[in-house]
Amino acid sequence: MSLKEQLQDDLKSAMRTRDKERLAVLRMLMAALKQREVDERSELDDAEVLGVLEKMIKQRRDAETQYREADRHELADAEAAEIAVLEHYLPAQLSEAEIDAAIESAVSEQGATSMQDMGPVMGVLKNRLQGRADLAVVSQRLKARLQG
């Protein structure tokens, strides 16, 4: 079963159980997926669905941070609840050791020796780690590796 089919099944289940919060988040996600399909005129595969999921989670994390800084805790808690629903559909996250191993592998494959090689290495890592690791963290660790 594809990730998109799983989302549709969970949407129906949320309707049946009258889980309003989960239903609202899943409807929002399905609308974003449908919009992307219409824009690109193609069916999304699991990797593209993961990309949309990650983007939505990142947006909500940014909003949550801003709400907390503005002392709007009720809105921040609502964003955190949406993040929890969305994160359920991400694959298991990699440990720091697994991320470091992936970085080392990509660096050796690309023959990277300096910061000028960061772009191609990040391209490889993005394809391998999408949905399984926060790419901002991966970028920071890669940067430290290439500078050190």
C-alpha atoms as a PDB file:
ATOM      1  CA  MET A   1       0.000   0.000   0.000  1.00  0.00           C
ATOM      2  CA  SER A   2       1.399   3.389  -0.964  1.00  0.00           C
ATOM      3  CA  LEU A   3       1.737   6.212   1.525  1.00  0.00           C
ATOM      4  CA  LYS A   4      -0.988   8.159  -0.253  1.00  0.00           C
ATOM      5  CA  GLU A   5      -3.394   5.201   0.018  1.00  0.00           C
ATOM      6  CA  GLN A   6      -2.540   4.894   3.725  1.00  0.00           C
ATOM      7  CA  LEU A   7      -3.359   8.579   4.186  1.00  0.00           C
ATOM      8  CA  GLN A   8      -6.704   8.156   2.423  1.00  0.00           C
ATOM      9  CA  ASP A   9      -7.581   5.145   4.595  1.00  0.00           C
ATOM     10  CA  ASP A  10      -6.643   7.052   7.753  1.00  0.00           C
ATOM     11  CA  LEU A  11      -8.744  10.001   6.589  1.00  0.00           C
ATOM     12  CA  LYS A  12     -11.775   7.728   6.248  1.00  0.00           C
ATOM     13  CA  SER A  13     -11.057   6.196   9.638  1.00  0.00           C
ATOM     14  CA  ALA A  14     -10.858   9.645  11.247  1.00  0.00           C
ATOM     15  CA  MET A  15     -14.240  10.483   9.703  1.00  0.00           C
ATOM     16  CA  ARG A  16     -15.778   7.312  11.125  1.00  0.00           C
ATOM     17  CA  THR A  17     -14.370   7.878  14.615  1.00  0.00           C
ATOM     18  CA  ARG A  18     -15.173  11.613  14.512  1.00  0.00           C
ATOM     19  CA  ASP A  19     -11.582  12.535  15.430  1.00  0.00           C
ATOM     20  CA  LYS A  20     -11.914  16.197  14.446  1.00  0.00           C
ATOM     21  CA  GLU A  21      -8.296  17.258  15.045  1.00  0.00           C
ATOM     22  CA  ARG A  22      -6.785  14.361  13.103  1.00  0.00           C
ATOM     23  CA  LEU A  23      -9.389  14.722  10.359  1.00  0.00           C
ATOM     24  CA  ALA A  24      -8.587  18.420   9.896  1.00  0.00           C
ATOM     25  CA  VAL A  25      -4.842  17.753   9.598  1.00  0.00           C
ATOM     26  CA  LEU A  26      -5.333  14.857   7.176  1.00  0.00           C
ATOM     27  CA  ARG A  27      -7.707  16.898   5.018  1.00  0.00           C
ATOM     28  CA  MET A  28      -5.161  19.712   4.913  1.00  0.00           C
ATOM     29  CA  LEU A  29      -2.429  17.253   3.913  1.00  0.00           C
ATOM     30  CA  MET A  30      -4.564  15.622   1.228  1.00  0.00           C
ATOM     31  CA  ALA A  31      -5.433  19.064  -0.165  1.00  0.00           C
ATOM     32  CA  ALA A  32      -1.723  19.939  -0.357  1.00  0.00           C
ATOM     33  CA  LEU A  33      -0.998  16.652  -2.140  1.00  0.00           C
ATOM     34  CA  LYS A  34      -3.858  17.181  -4.580  1.00  0.00           C
ATOM     35  CA  GLN A  35      -2.698  20.740  -5.274  1.00  0.00           C
ATOM     36  CA  ARG A  36       0.807  19.526  -6.062  1.00  0.00           C
ATOM     37  CA  GLU A  37      -0.578  16.815  -8.362  1.00  0.00           C
ATOM     38  CA  VAL A  38      -2.675  19.389 -10.207  1.00  0.00           C
ATOM     39  CA  ASP A  39       0.281  21.785 -10.484  1.00  0.00           C
ATOM     40  CA  GLU A  40       2.628  19.105 -11.817  1.00  0.00           C
ATOM     41  CA  ARG A  41      -0.058  17.209 -13.762  1.00  0.00           C
ATOM     42  CA  SER A  42       1.198  13.875 -12.445  1.00  0.00           C
ATOM     43  CA  GLU A  43       0.535  11.333  -9.730  1.00  0.00           C
ATOM     44  CA  LEU A  44       2.824  11.704  -6.690  1.00  0.00           C
ATOM     45  CA  ASP A  45       4.954   8.759  -5.630  1.00  0.00           C
ATOM     46  CA  ASP A  46       5.918   8.004  -2.013  1.00  0.00           C
ATOM     47  CA  ALA A  47       9.115  10.093  -2.165  1.00  0.00           C
ATOM     48  CA  GLU A  48       7.188  13.136  -3.367  1.00  0.00           C
ATOM     49  CA  VAL A  49       4.512  12.613  -0.710  1.00  0.00           C
ATOM     50  CA  LEU A  50       7.286  12.492   1.900  1.00  0.00           C
ATOM     51  CA  GLY A  51       8.646  15.757   0.525  1.00  0.00           C
ATOM     52  CA  VAL A  52       5.262  17.442   0.991  1.00  0.00           C
ATOM     53  CA  LEU A  53       4.997  15.975   4.494  1.00  0.00           C
ATOM     54  CA  GLU A  54       8.440  17.257   5.465  1.00  0.00           C
ATOM     55  CA  LYS A  55       7.644  20.706   4.111  1.00  0.00           C
ATOM     56  CA  MET A  56       4.418  20.874   6.108  1.00  0.00           C
ATOM     57  CA  ILE A  57       6.176  19.727   9.282  1.00  0.00           C
ATOM     58  CA  LYS A  58       8.910  22.328   8.813  1.00  0.00           C
ATOM     59  CA  GLN A  59       6.304  25.076   8.336  1.00  0.00           C
ATOM     60  CA  ARG A  60       4.553  24.039  11.525  1.00  0.00           C
ATOM     61  CA  ARG A  61       7.782  23.881  13.516  1.00  0.00           C
ATOM     62  CA  ASP A  62       8.635  27.402  12.387  1.00  0.00           C
ATOM     63  CA  ALA A  63       5.149  28.617  13.311  1.00  0.00           C
ATOM     64  CA  GLU A  64       5.325  26.867  16.680  1.00  0.00           C
ATOM     65  CA  THR A  65       8.629  28.576  17.463  1.00  0.00           C
ATOM     66  CA  GLN A  66       7.241  31.966  16.504  1.00  0.00           C
ATOM     67  CA  TYR A  67       4.119  31.446  18.605  1.00  0.00           C
ATOM     68  CA  ARG A  68       6.172  30.428  21.636  1.00  0.00           C
ATOM     69  CA  GLU A  69       8.408  33.501  21.230  1.00  0.00           C
ATOM     70  CA  ALA A  70       5.270  35.663  21.039  1.00  0.00           C
ATOM     71  CA  ASP A  71       3.928  33.990  24.213  1.00  0.00           C
ATOM     72  CA  ARG A  72       0.953  32.472  22.339  1.00  0.00           C
ATOM     73  CA  HIS A  73       1.130  29.025  23.876  1.00  0.00           C
ATOM     74  CA  GLU A  74      -2.373  27.907  22.835  1.00  0.00           C
ATOM     75  CA  LEU A  75      -1.485  28.426  19.164  1.00  0.00           C
ATOM     76  CA  ALA A  76       1.924  26.799  19.638  1.00  0.00           C
ATOM     77  CA  ASP A  77       0.257  23.763  21.208  1.00  0.00           C
ATOM     78  CA  ALA A  78      -2.115  23.502  18.224  1.00  0.00           C
ATOM     79  CA  GLU A  79       0.874  23.522  15.841  1.00  0.00           C
ATOM     80  CA  ALA A  80       2.600  20.859  17.964  1.00  0.00           C
ATOM     81  CA  ALA A  81      -0.511  18.674  17.772  1.00  0.00           C
ATOM     82  CA  GLU A  82      -0.531  18.985  13.967  1.00  0.00           C
ATOM     83  CA  ILE A  83       3.174  18.080  13.869  1.00  0.00           C
ATOM     84  CA  ALA A  84       2.464  14.926  15.898  1.00  0.00           C
ATOM     85  CA  VAL A  85      -0.210  13.804  13.417  1.00  0.00           C
ATOM     86  CA  LEU A  86       2.035  14.487  10.406  1.00  0.00           C
ATOM     87  CA  GLU A  87       5.145  12.854  11.914  1.00  0.00           C
ATOM     88  CA  HIS A  88       3.206   9.605  12.270  1.00  0.00           C
ATOM     89  CA  TYR A  89       3.574   9.139   8.494  1.00  0.00           C
ATOM     90  CA  LEU A  90       7.325   9.683   8.323  1.00  0.00           C
ATOM     91  CA  PRO A  91       9.595   6.637   8.281  1.00  0.00           C
ATOM     92  CA  ALA A  92      11.652   5.843  11.374  1.00  0.00           C
ATOM     93  CA  GLN A  93      14.252   8.537  11.972  1.00  0.00           C
ATOM     94  CA  LEU A  94      17.937   7.684  11.701  1.00  0.00           C
ATOM     95  CA  SER A  95      20.283   7.888  14.684  1.00  0.00           C
ATOM     96  CA  GLU A  96      23.226  10.290  14.724  1.00  0.00           C
ATOM     97  CA  ALA A  97      25.599   7.395  14.041  1.00  0.00           C
ATOM     98  CA  GLU A  98      23.573   6.338  10.985  1.00  0.00           C
ATOM     99  CA  ILE A  99      23.524   9.931   9.706  1.00  0.00           C
ATOM    100  CA  ASP A 100      27.301  10.188  10.168  1.00  0.00           C
ATOM    101  CA  ALA A 101      27.795   6.895   8.331  1.00  0.00           C
ATOM    102  CA  ALA A 102      25.641   8.124   5.423  1.00  0.00           C
ATOM    103  CA  ILE A 103      27.649  11.368   5.314  1.00  0.00           C
ATOM    104  CA  GLU A 104      30.949   9.490   5.248  1.00  0.00           C
ATOM    105  CA  SER A 105      29.688   7.214   2.494  1.00  0.00           C
ATOM    106  CA  ALA A 106      28.464  10.128   0.355  1.00  0.00           C
ATOM    107  CA  VAL A 107      31.676  12.122   0.926  1.00  0.00           C
ATOM    108  CA  SER A 108      33.839   9.202  -0.177  1.00  0.00           C
ATOM    109  CA  GLU A 109      31.618   8.447  -3.205  1.00  0.00           C
ATOM    110  CA  GLN A 110      31.751  12.061  -4.370  1.00  0.00           C
ATOM    111  CA  GLY A 111      35.432  12.488  -3.513  1.00  0.00           C
ATOM    112  CA  ALA A 112      34.551  15.589  -1.486  1.00  0.00           C
ATOM    113  CA  THR A 113      37.448  17.389   0.158  1.00  0.00           C
ATOM    114  CA  SER A 114      36.243  20.956   0.754  1.00  0.00           C
ATOM    115  CA  MET A 115      33.178  23.136   1.224  1.00  0.00           C
ATOM    116  CA  GLN A 116      33.007  23.578  -2.554  1.00  0.00           C
ATOM    117  CA  ASP A 117      31.905  19.942  -2.783  1.00  0.00           C
ATOM    118  CA  MET A 118      29.003  20.367  -0.359  1.00  0.00           C
ATOM    119  CA  GLY A 119      26.279  20.808  -3.030  1.00  0.00           C
ATOM    120  CA  PRO A 120      26.800  17.505  -4.845  1.00  0.00           C
ATOM    121  CA  VAL A 121      27.170  15.612  -1.562  1.00  0.00           C
ATOM    122  CA  MET A 122      23.947  17.136  -0.178  1.00  0.00           C
ATOM    123  CA  GLY A 123      22.188  16.125  -3.402  1.00  0.00           C
ATOM    124  CA  VAL A 124      23.165  12.510  -2.806  1.00  0.00           C
ATOM    125  CA  LEU A 125      22.254  12.685   0.890  1.00  0.00           C
ATOM    126  CA  LYS A 126      18.880  14.274   0.201  1.00  0.00           C
ATOM    127  CA  ASN A 127      17.898  11.366  -2.038  1.00  0.00           C
ATOM    128  CA  ARG A 128      19.046   8.798   0.528  1.00  0.00           C
ATOM    129  CA  LEU A 129      17.828  10.395   3.747  1.00  0.00           C
ATOM    130  CA  GLN A 130      14.648  12.221   2.767  1.00  0.00           C
ATOM    131  CA  GLY A 131      11.988  11.630   5.385  1.00  0.00           C
ATOM    132  CA  ARG A 132      14.366   9.700   7.612  1.00  0.00           C
ATOM    133  CA  ALA A 133      16.462  12.611   8.886  1.00  0.00           C
ATOM    134  CA  ASP A 134      16.147  16.369   9.284  1.00  0.00           C
ATOM    135  CA  LEU A 135      18.091  17.651   6.283  1.00  0.00           C
ATOM    136  CA  ALA A 136      19.026  20.856   8.127  1.00  0.00           C
ATOM    137  CA  VAL A 137      20.825  18.734  10.739  1.00  0.00           C
ATOM    138  CA  VAL A 138      22.434  16.647   7.984  1.00  0.00           C
ATOM    139  CA  SER A 139      23.628  19.842   6.289  1.00  0.00           C
ATOM    140  CA  GLN A 140      25.172  21.131   9.540  1.00  0.00           C
ATOM    141  CA  ARG A 141      26.947  17.830  10.176  1.00  0.00           C
ATOM    142  CA  LEU A 142      28.218  17.684   6.587  1.00  0.00           C
ATOM    143  CA  LYS A 143      29.473  21.261   6.842  1.00  0.00           C
ATOM    144  CA  ALA A 144      31.351  20.408  10.054  1.00  0.00           C
ATOM    145  CA  ARG A 145      32.802  17.299   8.391  1.00  0.00           C
ATOM    146  CA  LEU A 146      34.042  19.195   5.315  1.00  0.00           C
ATOM    147  CA  GLN A 147      35.511  22.031   7.367  1.00  0.00           C
ATOM    148  CA  GLY A 148      37.235  19.707   9.831  1.00  0.00           C
END
